[in-house]
PDB file of N, CA and C in Angstrom:
ATOM      1  N   MET A   1     149.930  11.164  38.300  1.00  0.00           N
ATOM      2  CA  MET A   1     148.948  10.570  39.119  1.00  0.00           C
ATOM      3  C   MET A   1     149.819   8.780  39.940  1.00  0.00           C
ATOM      4  N   LEU A   2     149.094   9.139  41.158  1.00  0.00           N
ATOM      5  CA  LEU A   2     149.781   8.031  42.144  1.00  0.00           C
ATOM      6  C   LEU A   2     149.010   7.239  42.321  1.00  0.00           C
ATOM      7  N   VAL A   3     149.762   5.912  41.863  1.00  0.00           N
ATOM      8  CA  VAL A   3     149.069   4.284  41.751  1.00  0.00           C
ATOM      9  C   VAL A   3     149.444   3.978  43.017  1.00  0.00           C
ATOM     10  N   LEU A   4     148.830   3.585  43.602  1.00  0.00           N
ATOM     11  CA  LEU A   4     148.713   3.122  44.905  1.00  0.00           C
ATOM     12  C   LEU A   4     148.995   0.709  44.701  1.00  0.00           C
ATOM     13  N   SER A   5     149.071  -0.263  45.242  1.00  0.00           N
ATOM     14  CA  SER A   5     148.692  -1.203  45.009  1.00  0.00           C
ATOM     15  C   SER A   5     147.676  -1.509  47.066  1.00  0.00           C
ATOM     16  N   ARG A   6     146.899  -1.558  47.387  1.00  0.00           N
ATOM     17  CA  ARG A   6     145.590  -1.544  48.019  1.00  0.00           C
ATOM     18  C   ARG A   6     145.501  -3.805  48.912  1.00  0.00           C
ATOM     19  N   LYS A   7     145.284  -3.509  50.210  1.00  0.00           N
ATOM     20  CA  LYS A   7     144.702  -4.363  50.066  1.00  0.00           C
ATOM     21  C   LYS A   7     143.137  -4.939  50.788  1.00  0.00           C
ATOM     22  N   LYS A   8     141.916  -5.822  50.866  1.00  0.00           N
ATOM     23  CA  LYS A   8     141.113  -5.354  51.829  1.00  0.00           C
ATOM     24  C   LYS A   8     141.177  -5.260  53.056  1.00  0.00           C
ATOM     25  N   ASN A   9     140.636  -3.936  53.147  1.00  0.00           N
ATOM     26  CA  ASN A   9     140.797  -3.268  54.705  1.00  0.00           C
ATOM     27  C   ASN A   9     141.585  -3.001  55.405  1.00  0.00           C
ATOM     28  N   GLU A  10     142.734  -1.671  53.819  1.00  0.00           N
ATOM     29  CA  GLU A  10     143.776  -1.453  53.592  1.00  0.00           C
ATOM     30  C   GLU A  10     142.876   0.041  53.443  1.00  0.00           C
ATOM     31  N   SER A  11     143.447   1.291  53.345  1.00  0.00           N
ATOM     32  CA  SER A  11     143.259   2.086  53.162  1.00  0.00           C
ATOM     33  C   SER A  11     143.960   2.896  52.855  1.00  0.00           C
ATOM     34  N   ILE A  12     143.553   4.457  51.894  1.00  0.00           N
ATOM     35  CA  ILE A  12     144.157   5.668  51.538  1.00  0.00           C
ATOM     36  C   ILE A  12     143.381   6.506  52.130  1.00  0.00           C
ATOM     37  N   MET A  13     143.776   8.020  52.351  1.00  0.00           N
ATOM     38  CA  MET A  13     144.326   9.042  52.917  1.00  0.00           C
ATOM     39  C   MET A  13     144.113  10.415  52.398  1.00  0.00           C
ATOM     40  N   ILE A  14     143.575  10.807  52.155  1.00  0.00           N
ATOM     41  CA  ILE A  14     143.854  11.949  51.272  1.00  0.00           C
ATOM     42  C   ILE A  14     143.657  13.573  52.008  1.00  0.00           C
ATOM     43  N   GLY A  15     144.517  14.206  52.373  1.00  0.00           N
ATOM     44  CA  GLY A  15     144.552  15.222  53.880  1.00  0.00           C
ATOM     45  C   GLY A  15     144.317  14.684  54.787  1.00  0.00           C
ATOM     46  N   ASP A  16     144.008  15.657  55.496  1.00  0.00           N
ATOM     47  CA  ASP A  16     143.456  14.544  57.315  1.00  0.00           C
ATOM     48  C   ASP A  16     141.843  14.142  57.473  1.00  0.00           C
ATOM     49  N   ALA A  17     141.100  14.374  56.406  1.00  0.00           N
ATOM     50  CA  ALA A  17     139.411  14.316  56.275  1.00  0.00           C
ATOM     51  C   ALA A  17     139.186  13.189  56.013  1.00  0.00           C
ATOM     52  N   ILE A  18     139.750  13.065  54.499  1.00  0.00           N
ATOM     53  CA  ILE A  18     138.800  11.943  53.420  1.00  0.00           C
ATOM     54  C   ILE A  18     140.506  10.277  53.522  1.00  0.00           C
ATOM     55  N   GLU A  19     139.101   9.434  54.106  1.00  0.00           N
ATOM     56  CA  GLU A  19     139.666   7.761  53.937  1.00  0.00           C
ATOM     57  C   GLU A  19     138.991   7.218  52.670  1.00  0.00           C
ATOM     58  N   ILE A  20     139.744   6.094  52.254  1.00  0.00           N
ATOM     59  CA  ILE A  20     139.556   5.901  50.964  1.00  0.00           C
ATOM     60  C   ILE A  20     139.513   4.531  51.711  1.00  0.00           C
ATOM     61  N   LYS A  21     138.566   3.346  51.785  1.00  0.00           N
ATOM     62  CA  LYS A  21     138.754   2.264  52.155  1.00  0.00           C
ATOM     63  C   LYS A  21     138.721   1.269  51.303  1.00  0.00           C
ATOM     64  N   VAL A  22     139.402   0.385  51.659  1.00  0.00           N
ATOM     65  CA  VAL A  22     138.933  -0.498  50.343  1.00  0.00           C
ATOM     66  C   VAL A  22     138.094  -1.773  51.174  1.00  0.00           C
ATOM     67  N   ILE A  23     136.890  -2.029  50.883  1.00  0.00           N
ATOM     68  CA  ILE A  23     136.499  -2.920  51.304  1.00  0.00           C
ATOM     69  C   ILE A  23     135.779  -4.133  50.853  1.00  0.00           C
ATOM     70  N   ALA A  24     135.772  -5.056  49.840  1.00  0.00           N
ATOM     71  CA  ALA A  24     135.816  -5.949  48.973  1.00  0.00           C
ATOM     72  C   ALA A  24     136.659  -6.056  47.306  1.00  0.00           C
ATOM     73  N   VAL A  25     137.167  -7.343  47.154  1.00  0.00           N
ATOM     74  CA  VAL A  25     137.922  -7.180  45.586  1.00  0.00           C
ATOM     75  C   VAL A  25     136.302  -8.742  45.502  1.00  0.00           C
ATOM     76  N   GLU A  26     136.550  -8.842  43.768  1.00  0.00           N
ATOM     77  CA  GLU A  26     135.456  -9.817  43.603  1.00  0.00           C
ATOM     78  C   GLU A  26     135.826  -9.182  42.059  1.00  0.00           C
ATOM     79  N   GLY A  27     137.033 -10.302  41.855  1.00  0.00           N
ATOM     80  CA  GLY A  27     136.257 -10.450  40.599  1.00  0.00           C
ATOM     81  C   GLY A  27     137.406  -8.959  39.533  1.00  0.00           C
ATOM     82  N   ASP A  28     137.131  -8.954  38.257  1.00  0.00           N
ATOM     83  CA  ASP A  28     136.607  -7.352  38.650  1.00  0.00           C
ATOM     84  C   ASP A  28     136.507  -6.008  39.158  1.00  0.00           C
ATOM     85  N   THR A  29     135.595  -6.345  39.726  1.00  0.00           N
ATOM     86  CA  THR A  29     135.186  -4.779  40.788  1.00  0.00           C
ATOM     87  C   THR A  29     136.096  -5.494  42.306  1.00  0.00           C
ATOM     88  N   VAL A  30     136.148  -4.120  43.019  1.00  0.00           N
ATOM     89  CA  VAL A  30     136.355  -3.335  43.900  1.00  0.00           C
ATOM     90  C   VAL A  30     135.733  -2.789  44.629  1.00  0.00           C
ATOM     91  N   ARG A  31     135.355  -3.112  45.468  1.00  0.00           N
ATOM     92  CA  ARG A  31     134.033  -2.147  46.754  1.00  0.00           C
ATOM     93  C   ARG A  31     134.731  -1.199  47.614  1.00  0.00           C
ATOM     94  N   ILE A  32     134.477   0.188  47.354  1.00  0.00           N
ATOM     95  CA  ILE A  32     135.138   0.734  48.247  1.00  0.00           C
ATOM     96  C   ILE A  32     134.594   1.639  48.846  1.00  0.00           C
ATOM     97  N   GLY A  33     134.720   1.995  49.876  1.00  0.00           N
ATOM     98  CA  GLY A  33     134.248   2.981  51.036  1.00  0.00           C
ATOM     99  C   GLY A  33     134.692   4.373  51.209  1.00  0.00           C
ATOM    100  N   ILE A  34     134.192   5.365  51.672  1.00  0.00           N
ATOM    101  CA  ILE A  34     134.552   7.031  51.701  1.00  0.00           C
ATOM    102  C   ILE A  34     134.462   7.590  52.805  1.00  0.00           C
ATOM    103  N   GLU A  35     135.183   7.671  53.214  1.00  0.00           N
ATOM    104  CA  GLU A  35     134.862   8.419  54.443  1.00  0.00           C
ATOM    105  C   GLU A  35     134.954  10.170  54.245  1.00  0.00           C
ATOM    106  N   ALA A  36     133.826  11.189  54.205  1.00  0.00           N
ATOM    107  CA  ALA A  36     134.857  12.235  53.753  1.00  0.00           C
ATOM    108  C   ALA A  36     133.757  13.347  55.251  1.00  0.00           C
ATOM    109  N   PRO A  37     134.178  14.521  55.333  1.00  0.00           N
ATOM    110  CA  PRO A  37     133.052  15.484  55.390  1.00  0.00           C
ATOM    111  C   PRO A  37     131.796  15.762  55.009  1.00  0.00           C
ATOM    112  N   ARG A  38     131.423  16.358  55.644  1.00  0.00           N
ATOM    113  CA  ARG A  38     129.639  16.249  55.267  1.00  0.00           C
ATOM    114  C   ARG A  38     129.776  17.670  54.212  1.00  0.00           C
ATOM    115  N   ASP A  39     130.272  18.207  54.264  1.00  0.00           N
ATOM    116  CA  ASP A  39     130.511  19.501  52.991  1.00  0.00           C
ATOM    117  C   ASP A  39     131.457  18.817  52.007  1.00  0.00           C
ATOM    118  N   VAL A  40     132.129  17.934  52.434  1.00  0.00           N
ATOM    119  CA  VAL A  40     133.493  17.370  50.715  1.00  0.00           C
ATOM    120  C   VAL A  40     131.721  16.579  49.935  1.00  0.00           C
ATOM    121  N   GLU A  41     131.577  16.959  48.770  1.00  0.00           N
ATOM    122  CA  GLU A  41     130.229  16.026  47.547  1.00  0.00           C
ATOM    123  C   GLU A  41     131.455  14.962  47.734  1.00  0.00           C
ATOM    124  N   VAL A  42     130.812  13.709  47.321  1.00  0.00           N
ATOM    125  CA  VAL A  42     131.597  12.326  46.670  1.00  0.00           C
ATOM    126  C   VAL A  42     130.801  11.557  45.633  1.00  0.00           C
ATOM    127  N   HIS A  43     130.930  11.654  44.188  1.00  0.00           N
ATOM    128  CA  HIS A  43     130.268  11.424  43.212  1.00  0.00           C
ATOM    129  C   HIS A  43     130.766   9.940  42.429  1.00  0.00           C
ATOM    130  N   ARG A  44     129.890   9.067  41.923  1.00  0.00           N
ATOM    131  CA  ARG A  44     131.004   7.842  40.909  1.00  0.00           C
ATOM    132  C   ARG A  44     131.442   8.849  39.921  1.00  0.00           C
ATOM    133  N   LYS A  45     131.598   8.936  38.757  1.00  0.00           N
ATOM    134  CA  LYS A  45     132.524  10.453  37.730  1.00  0.00           C
ATOM    135  C   LYS A  45     131.761   9.662  37.234  1.00  0.00           C
ATOM    136  N   GLU A  46     130.573   8.950  36.148  1.00  0.00           N
ATOM    137  CA  GLU A  46     129.707   9.614  35.111  1.00  0.00           C
ATOM    138  C   GLU A  46     128.671   9.829  35.939  1.00  0.00           C
ATOM    139  N   VAL A  47     128.755  10.400  37.385  1.00  0.00           N
ATOM    140  CA  VAL A  47     126.982  11.325  38.206  1.00  0.00           C
ATOM    141  C   VAL A  47     128.097  12.566  38.238  1.00  0.00           C
ATOM    142  N   TYR A  48     129.358  12.651  38.497  1.00  0.00           N
ATOM    143  CA  TYR A  48     129.406  13.926  38.576  1.00  0.00           C
ATOM    144  C   TYR A  48     129.267  14.820  37.217  1.00  0.00           C
ATOM    145  N   VAL A  49     130.180  13.922  36.185  1.00  0.00           N
ATOM    146  CA  VAL A  49     129.973  14.036  34.320  1.00  0.00           C
ATOM    147  C   VAL A  49     128.592  15.183  34.298  1.00  0.00           C
ATOM    148  N   THR A  50     127.440  14.425  34.118  1.00  0.00           N
ATOM    149  CA  THR A  50     126.349  14.681  34.234  1.00  0.00           C
ATOM    150  C   THR A  50     126.218  15.869  34.914  1.00  0.00           C
ATOM    151  N   ILE A  51     125.836  16.112  36.271  1.00  0.00           N
ATOM    152  CA  ILE A  51     126.181  17.130  37.374  1.00  0.00           C
ATOM    153  C   ILE A  51     126.516  18.357  36.178  1.00  0.00           C
ATOM    154  N   LYS A  52     127.943  18.106  35.779  1.00  0.00           N
ATOM    155  CA  LYS A  52     128.397  19.301  35.598  1.00  0.00           C
ATOM    156  C   LYS A  52     127.660  20.204  34.225  1.00  0.00           C
ATOM    157  N   GLU A  53     126.919  19.265  32.951  1.00  0.00           N
ATOM    158  CA  GLU A  53     127.245  19.292  32.214  1.00  0.00           C
ATOM    159  C   GLU A  53     125.693  20.057  32.397  1.00  0.00           C
ATOM    160  N   GLU A  54     124.576  19.094  33.037  1.00  0.00           N
ATOM    161  CA  GLU A  54     123.527  20.032  33.491  1.00  0.00           C
ATOM    162  C   GLU A  54     124.019  21.349  34.105  1.00  0.00           C
ATOM    163  N   ASN A  55     124.390  21.708  35.008  1.00  0.00           N
ATOM    164  CA  ASN A  55     124.521  23.344  35.438  1.00  0.00           C
ATOM    165  C   ASN A  55     125.721  23.798  34.120  1.00  0.00           C
ATOM    166  N   LYS A  56     126.686  23.667  33.191  1.00  0.00           N
ATOM    167  CA  LYS A  56     126.358  24.027  32.706  1.00  0.00           C
ATOM    168  C   LYS A  56     125.506  24.364  31.699  1.00  0.00           C
ATOM    169  N   LEU A  57     124.647  23.436  30.478  1.00  0.00           N
ATOM    170  CA  LEU A  57     123.003  23.629  30.215  1.00  0.00           C
ATOM    171  C   LEU A  57     122.189  24.778  31.629  1.00  0.00           C
ATOM    172  N   ALA A  58     122.002  24.981  32.176  1.00  0.00           N
ATOM    173  CA  ALA A  58     121.061  25.783  32.834  1.00  0.00           C
ATOM    174  C   ALA A  58     122.157  27.059  32.982  1.00  0.00           C
ATOM    175  N   SER A  59     123.198  27.316  32.993  1.00  0.00           N
ATOM    176  CA  SER A  59     123.909  28.553  33.001  1.00  0.00           C
ATOM    177  C   SER A  59     123.389  29.235  31.914  1.00  0.00           C
ATOM    178  N   GLU A  60     123.479  27.965  30.800  1.00  0.00           N
ATOM    179  CA  GLU A  60     123.545  29.216  28.953  1.00  0.00           C
ATOM    180  C   GLU A  60     121.857  28.607  28.717  1.00  0.00           C
ATOM    181  N   ALA A  61     120.629  28.715  29.446  1.00  0.00           N
ATOM    182  CA  ALA A  61     119.552  28.905  29.329  1.00  0.00           C
ATOM    183  C   ALA A  61     119.442  30.029  29.402  1.00  0.00           C
ATOM    184  N   LYS A  62     118.728  30.490  27.690  1.00  0.00           N
ATOM    185  CA  LYS A  62     117.818  31.852  28.474  1.00  0.00           C
ATOM    186  C   LYS A  62     116.692  31.996  29.017  1.00  0.00           C
ATOM    187  N   VAL A  63     116.907  32.715  30.022  1.00  0.00           N
ATOM    188  CA  VAL A  63     115.759  33.238  30.599  1.00  0.00           C
ATOM    189  C   VAL A  63     114.489  33.591  29.800  1.00  0.00           C
ATOM    190  N   ASP A  64     113.554  34.027  30.150  1.00  0.00           N
ATOM    191  CA  ASP A  64     112.163  34.348  29.366  1.00  0.00           C
ATOM    192  C   ASP A  64     112.079  35.611  30.422  1.00  0.00           C
ATOM    193  N   TRP A  65     111.878  36.447  30.543  1.00  0.00           N
ATOM    194  CA  TRP A  65     111.625  37.324  32.061  1.00  0.00           C
ATOM    195  C   TRP A  65     110.374  37.813  31.675  1.00  0.00           C
ATOM    196  N   SER A  66     109.201  37.671  30.295  1.00  0.00           N
ATOM    197  CA  SER A  66     107.943  37.992  31.033  1.00  0.00           C
ATOM    198  C   SER A  66     108.064  36.870  31.976  1.00  0.00           C
ATOM    199  N   VAL A  67     108.439  35.562  31.899  1.00  0.00           N
ATOM    200  CA  VAL A  67     107.622  34.918  32.780  1.00  0.00           C
ATOM    201  C   VAL A  67     107.829  34.790  33.798  1.00  0.00           C
ATOM    202  N   VAL A  68     108.862  35.332  33.964  1.00  0.00           N
ATOM    203  CA  VAL A  68     110.198  35.711  35.286  1.00  0.00           C
ATOM    204  C   VAL A  68     108.917  36.883  36.521  1.00  0.00           C
ATOM    205  N   LYS A  69     108.958  37.487  34.947  1.00  0.00           N
ATOM    206  CA  LYS A  69     108.242  38.656  35.775  1.00  0.00           C
ATOM    207  C   LYS A  69     106.380  38.959  36.376  1.00  0.00           C
ATOM    208  N   GLY A  70     105.827  37.593  35.411  1.00  0.00           N
ATOM    209  CA  GLY A  70     104.597  37.735  36.020  1.00  0.00           C
ATOM    210  C   GLY A  70     104.271  36.128  37.282  1.00  0.00           C
ATOM    211  N   LEU A  71     105.645  35.617  37.234  1.00  0.00           N
ATOM    212  CA  LEU A  71     106.185  34.590  38.756  1.00  0.00           C
ATOM    213  C   LEU A  71     105.688  35.716  39.760  1.00  0.00           C
ATOM    214  N   VAL A  72     106.418  37.174  39.656  1.00  0.00           N
ATOM    215  CA  VAL A  72     107.396  37.932  41.000  1.00  0.00           C
ATOM    216  C   VAL A  72     105.761  39.028  40.635  1.00  0.00           C
ATOM    217  N   SER A  73     105.347  39.598  39.546  1.00  0.00           N
ATOM    218  CA  SER A  73     104.050  40.305  39.788  1.00  0.00           C
ATOM    219  C   SER A  73     103.184  39.751  41.732  1.00  0.00           C
ATOM    220  N   PRO A  74     102.792  41.830  41.218  1.00  0.00           N
ATOM    221  CA  PRO A  74     101.468  42.150  42.515  1.00  0.00           C
ATOM    222  C   PRO A  74     100.807  41.868  42.252  1.00  0.00           C
ATOM    223  N   ALA A  75     100.209  39.967  41.793  1.00  0.00           N
ATOM    224  CA  ALA A  75      98.994  39.204  41.633  1.00  0.00           C
ATOM    225  C   ALA A  75      98.568  38.865  42.720  1.00  0.00           C
ATOM    226  N   ASN A  76      99.443  39.446  44.176  1.00  0.00           N
ATOM    227  CA  ASN A  76      98.907  38.644  45.535  1.00  0.00           C
ATOM    228  C   ASN A  76      98.196  39.500  45.465  1.00  0.00           C
ATOM    229  N   GLY A  77      97.700  40.616  45.427  1.00  0.00           N
ATOM    230  CA  GLY A  77      97.172  42.135  45.884  1.00  0.00           C
ATOM    231  C   GLY A  77      98.382  42.918  46.617  1.00  0.00           C
ATOM    232  N   GLU A  78      99.371  43.205  46.475  1.00  0.00           N
ATOM    233  CA  GLU A  78     100.243  43.600  47.219  1.00  0.00           C
ATOM    234  C   GLU A  78     100.410  44.345  45.824  1.00  0.00           C
ATOM    235  N   GLU A  79     100.825  45.290  46.631  1.00  0.00           N
ATOM    236  CA  GLU A  79     101.260  46.173  45.428  1.00  0.00           C
ATOM    237  C   GLU A  79     102.702  47.340  46.488  1.00  0.00           C
TER     238      GLU A  79
END
């Protein structure tokens, strides 16, 4: 792990496109700003972990194909 010290208004660059900037330091809390391309997802770690867990559960879920078939059957008059 790379450990860096930064002061208010100082930044860290990740590659050419991601900038992490220290906005404020108040007691034990550090406010940071993140500038990244729109195609780069940025989440707090606890949110990231929750998303990964939900995606894993969704991928492991069993599909009731009779329900799916009922949703795509020609019930709207198309055959």
